[in-house]
């Protein structure tokens, strides 16, 4: 079991002892997820792809917080959500329940995730009528799909602890699954990451980071 940790904004995260890193920022799990993936990612993508549906590919389902907040926002704004998340090491259901993230979303969304978590690891499931979740139990470099997504949440562990997730090759691999004008968003920003994205035709934006980080990155596919 991963160790539960209270973060500075009052929300919990988990500490992965095998990796040596928390799943979310110790400066605030909830505020980091909202800042990076909802505000800079989802809300921006919705304005870029106006309509009633959005497709998201997430690298690193982890505790499920990004999905919960995304489903909540899309439900409130009557947007159909098709969400695929890649996770090489899925948490146990008891670990998800220990986070207390049920306090941050409507009960129907929380129950939908908890009741369907095992099934979502096998196939796409409807958490709510217009909120679909599929968790693919695989390594990123092995993932292949013909599907094209509007938005990528890149939420792998840091380059210090998981350098294989930040190579030029793996970034190019995941970005092939984005539509033209699709958006890649992550909490991290390094010169190497910027060069990798620019080399495959992305435009780069440096944005203010979540508390504890000066900057973050958002990139748009040509």
Protein backbone atom coordinates (compact mmCIF):
# COMPACT_ATOMS: atom_id res chain seq x y z
CA UNK A 1 0.00 0.00 0.00
CA UNK A 2 1.13 3.53 -0.77
CA UNK A 3 1.33 5.95 2.16
CA UNK A 4 -1.34 8.66 2.51
CA UNK A 5 0.10 12.17 2.86
CA UNK A 6 -1.65 15.44 3.72
CA UNK A 7 -0.65 18.30 1.40
CA UNK A 8 -0.51 22.03 2.11
CA UNK A 9 -3.99 22.85 0.75
CA UNK A 10 -5.64 20.26 3.00
CA UNK A 11 -6.09 17.60 0.33
CA UNK A 12 -4.38 14.22 0.41
CA UNK A 13 -1.99 12.50 -1.92
CA UNK A 14 -0.22 9.15 -1.84
CA UNK A 15 3.51 8.49 -1.60
CA UNK A 16 4.79 5.83 -3.96
CA UNK A 17 7.66 4.17 -2.10
CA UNK A 18 8.91 2.20 -5.12
CA UNK A 19 9.27 5.38 -7.20
CA UNK A 20 10.20 7.63 -4.27
CA UNK A 21 7.72 10.38 -5.13
CA UNK A 22 4.24 11.62 -4.29
CA UNK A 23 1.46 11.34 -6.85
CA UNK A 24 0.71 15.05 -6.47
CA UNK A 25 2.45 18.17 -5.26
CA UNK A 26 3.03 18.40 -1.51
CA UNK A 27 2.15 22.11 -1.91
CA UNK A 28 -1.43 21.05 -2.69
CA UNK A 29 -2.75 18.04 -4.56
CA UNK A 30 -6.15 19.51 -5.35
CA UNK A 31 -4.92 22.95 -6.38
CA UNK A 32 -2.18 21.47 -8.58
CA UNK A 33 -4.62 19.27 -10.46
CA UNK A 34 -7.06 22.15 -10.94
CA UNK A 35 -4.37 24.62 -11.99
CA UNK A 36 -2.46 22.43 -14.45
CA UNK A 37 -5.00 20.07 -15.92
CA UNK A 38 -8.39 21.76 -15.54
CA UNK A 39 -7.61 25.47 -15.87
CA UNK A 40 -4.62 25.34 -18.25
CA UNK A 41 -5.68 22.14 -20.01
CA UNK A 42 -9.38 21.29 -20.14
CA UNK A 43 -10.83 24.80 -20.13
CA UNK A 44 -8.35 25.92 -22.79
CA UNK A 45 -9.07 22.87 -24.97
CA UNK A 46 -12.81 23.46 -24.81
CA UNK A 47 -12.31 26.95 -26.24
CA UNK A 48 -10.01 25.52 -28.92
CA UNK A 49 -12.44 22.73 -29.85
CA UNK A 50 -15.86 24.30 -29.32
CA UNK A 51 -18.58 21.70 -29.23
CA UNK A 52 -20.30 19.26 -26.96
CA UNK A 53 -17.64 16.56 -26.71
CA UNK A 54 -13.97 16.28 -25.78
CA UNK A 55 -11.50 13.42 -25.88
CA UNK A 56 -8.69 13.28 -23.31
CA UNK A 57 -5.69 10.95 -23.13
CA UNK A 58 -4.03 10.93 -19.73
CA UNK A 59 -0.62 9.48 -18.99
CA UNK A 60 -0.78 8.33 -15.37
CA UNK A 61 -4.24 7.66 -13.89
CA UNK A 62 -2.75 7.38 -10.41
CA UNK A 63 -5.28 8.41 -7.77
CA UNK A 64 -7.89 9.38 -10.36
CA UNK A 65 -8.03 13.02 -9.22
CA UNK A 66 -7.60 14.48 -12.72
CA UNK A 67 -10.45 12.37 -14.05
CA UNK A 68 -12.75 13.22 -11.15
CA UNK A 69 -12.26 16.97 -11.62
CA UNK A 70 -12.57 16.68 -15.41
CA UNK A 71 -15.80 14.71 -15.16
CA UNK A 72 -17.18 17.24 -12.70
CA UNK A 73 -16.36 20.20 -14.95
CA UNK A 74 -17.74 18.52 -18.07
CA UNK A 75 -20.90 17.47 -16.30
CA UNK A 76 -21.49 21.01 -15.05
CA UNK A 77 -20.95 22.41 -18.56
CA UNK A 78 -22.91 19.71 -20.46
CA UNK A 79 -19.87 18.43 -22.34
CA UNK A 80 -19.54 14.76 -23.23
CA UNK A 81 -16.25 13.38 -21.93
CA UNK A 82 -14.35 10.47 -23.48
CA UNK A 83 -11.41 9.84 -21.18
CA UNK A 84 -8.66 7.29 -21.71
CA UNK A 85 -5.95 6.97 -19.08
CA UNK A 86 -2.78 4.89 -19.24
CA UNK A 87 -1.59 3.34 -16.00
CA UNK A 88 1.19 0.77 -15.72
CA UNK A 89 0.71 0.25 -11.96
CA UNK A 90 -2.96 0.66 -11.01
CA UNK A 91 -3.69 1.41 -7.39
CA UNK A 92 -5.90 -0.80 -5.28
CA UNK A 93 -9.49 0.35 -4.85
CA UNK A 94 -8.85 0.80 -1.12
CA UNK A 95 -6.08 3.27 -1.93
CA UNK A 96 -8.40 5.34 -4.11
CA UNK A 97 -11.00 5.37 -1.35
CA UNK A 98 -8.40 6.49 1.22
CA UNK A 99 -7.72 9.77 -0.62
CA UNK A 100 -10.92 11.49 0.48
CA UNK A 101 -11.45 12.87 -3.03
CA UNK A 102 -15.17 12.17 -2.67
CA UNK A 103 -15.22 15.54 -0.87
CA UNK A 104 -14.38 17.42 -4.08
CA UNK A 105 -16.90 16.06 -6.61
CA UNK A 106 -20.59 15.13 -6.64
CA UNK A 107 -21.33 11.77 -5.04
CA UNK A 108 -22.61 10.35 -8.34
CA UNK A 109 -19.21 10.87 -10.01
CA UNK A 110 -17.32 9.42 -7.06
CA UNK A 111 -19.61 6.39 -6.85
CA UNK A 112 -19.35 5.91 -10.60
CA UNK A 113 -15.57 5.69 -10.41
CA UNK A 114 -15.38 3.50 -7.29
CA UNK A 115 -18.11 1.11 -8.44
CA UNK A 116 -16.68 0.75 -11.94
CA UNK A 117 -12.92 0.96 -11.30
CA UNK A 118 -12.23 -2.72 -11.86
CA UNK A 119 -14.35 -2.81 -15.00
CA UNK A 120 -12.70 0.37 -16.35
CA UNK A 121 -9.36 -1.48 -16.28
CA UNK A 122 -10.87 -3.92 -18.79
CA UNK A 123 -13.06 -1.76 -21.03
CA UNK A 124 -14.62 1.67 -21.44
CA UNK A 125 -17.37 2.30 -18.89
CA UNK A 126 -19.94 5.04 -18.41
CA UNK A 127 -19.39 6.75 -15.09
CA UNK A 128 -22.40 8.94 -15.86
CA UNK A 129 -24.42 8.90 -19.11
CA UNK A 130 -22.04 11.33 -20.86
CA UNK A 131 -18.85 10.60 -18.93
CA UNK A 132 -16.85 7.65 -20.26
CA UNK A 133 -13.69 6.29 -18.64
CA UNK A 134 -11.23 3.68 -19.85
CA UNK A 135 -8.03 2.86 -17.93
CA UNK A 136 -5.50 1.02 -20.07
CA UNK A 137 -3.21 -1.14 -17.95
CA UNK A 138 -0.04 -0.77 -20.00
CA UNK A 139 3.25 1.04 -20.38
CA UNK A 140 3.11 4.16 -22.54
CA UNK A 141 5.66 2.88 -25.07
CA UNK A 142 3.45 -0.16 -25.73
CA UNK A 143 0.24 1.82 -26.23
CA UNK A 144 -1.18 2.03 -29.73
CA UNK A 145 -4.53 3.35 -30.92
CA UNK A 146 -6.13 4.76 -34.03
CA UNK A 147 -8.04 7.22 -31.85
CA UNK A 148 -7.10 10.89 -32.01
CA UNK A 149 -7.54 13.02 -28.88
CA UNK A 150 -8.15 16.73 -28.32
CA UNK A 151 -6.03 16.94 -25.19
CA UNK A 152 -3.22 15.09 -23.44
CA UNK A 153 -2.73 15.28 -19.68
CA UNK A 154 0.92 14.31 -19.19
CA UNK A 155 1.06 13.43 -15.50
CA UNK A 156 3.93 10.97 -15.26
CA UNK A 157 6.28 11.02 -12.29
CA UNK A 158 9.14 13.53 -12.57
CA UNK A 159 12.15 13.14 -14.81
CA UNK A 160 14.32 12.68 -11.70
CA UNK A 161 12.43 9.53 -10.73
CA UNK A 162 11.11 8.30 -14.08
CA UNK A 163 13.49 9.57 -16.79
CA UNK A 164 12.24 6.98 -19.29
CA UNK A 165 8.91 8.85 -19.39
CA UNK A 166 10.52 12.07 -20.61
CA UNK A 167 12.71 10.98 -23.53
CA UNK A 168 12.32 12.59 -26.96
CA UNK A 169 11.09 9.25 -28.31
CA UNK A 170 8.36 8.76 -25.73
CA UNK A 171 7.11 12.34 -26.09
CA UNK A 172 6.91 11.92 -29.88
CA UNK A 173 5.13 8.59 -29.37
CA UNK A 174 2.36 9.99 -27.19
CA UNK A 175 1.91 13.15 -29.23
CA UNK A 176 1.05 11.17 -32.37
CA UNK A 177 -2.32 10.48 -30.72
CA UNK A 178 -3.28 14.18 -30.73
CA UNK A 179 -5.47 15.74 -33.38
CA UNK A 180 -4.09 18.70 -35.37
CA UNK A 181 -4.28 21.72 -33.04
CA UNK A 182 -4.50 19.30 -30.12
CA UNK A 183 -3.10 20.35 -26.76
CA UNK A 184 -0.42 18.78 -24.56
CA UNK A 185 -0.28 19.98 -20.98
CA UNK A 186 1.98 19.03 -18.07
CA UNK A 187 3.11 20.34 -14.71
CA UNK A 188 6.78 20.21 -15.79
CA UNK A 189 8.89 22.43 -18.02
CA UNK A 190 12.48 21.78 -19.05
CA UNK A 191 14.62 22.85 -21.97
CA UNK A 192 14.78 19.26 -23.16
CA UNK A 193 11.00 18.86 -23.13
CA UNK A 194 10.51 22.12 -25.01
CA UNK A 195 13.03 21.08 -27.67
CA UNK A 196 11.41 17.66 -28.02
CA UNK A 197 7.99 19.19 -28.63
CA UNK A 198 9.29 21.87 -30.98
CA UNK A 199 11.09 19.21 -33.03
CA UNK A 200 7.76 17.55 -33.83
CA UNK A 201 6.03 20.78 -34.75
CA UNK A 202 4.47 22.00 -31.52
CA UNK A 203 4.23 25.61 -30.41
CA UNK A 204 5.18 26.12 -26.78
CA UNK A 205 3.67 28.24 -24.03
CA UNK A 206 5.26 28.82 -20.64
CA UNK A 207 2.55 29.39 -18.06
CA UNK A 208 2.69 30.17 -14.34
CA UNK A 209 3.04 26.93 -12.41
CA UNK A 210 0.97 25.62 -9.56
CA UNK A 211 2.13 26.58 -6.05
CA UNK A 212 5.64 25.27 -5.53
CA UNK A 213 6.54 25.49 -9.23
CA UNK A 214 7.47 28.69 -11.06
CA UNK A 215 6.33 27.56 -14.51
CA UNK A 216 4.48 24.81 -16.37
CA UNK A 217 4.14 23.91 -20.04
CA UNK A 218 1.33 23.86 -22.55
CA UNK A 219 1.98 22.98 -26.19
CA UNK A 220 -0.20 22.97 -29.32
CA UNK A 221 0.19 20.61 -32.26
CA UNK A 222 0.65 22.23 -35.66
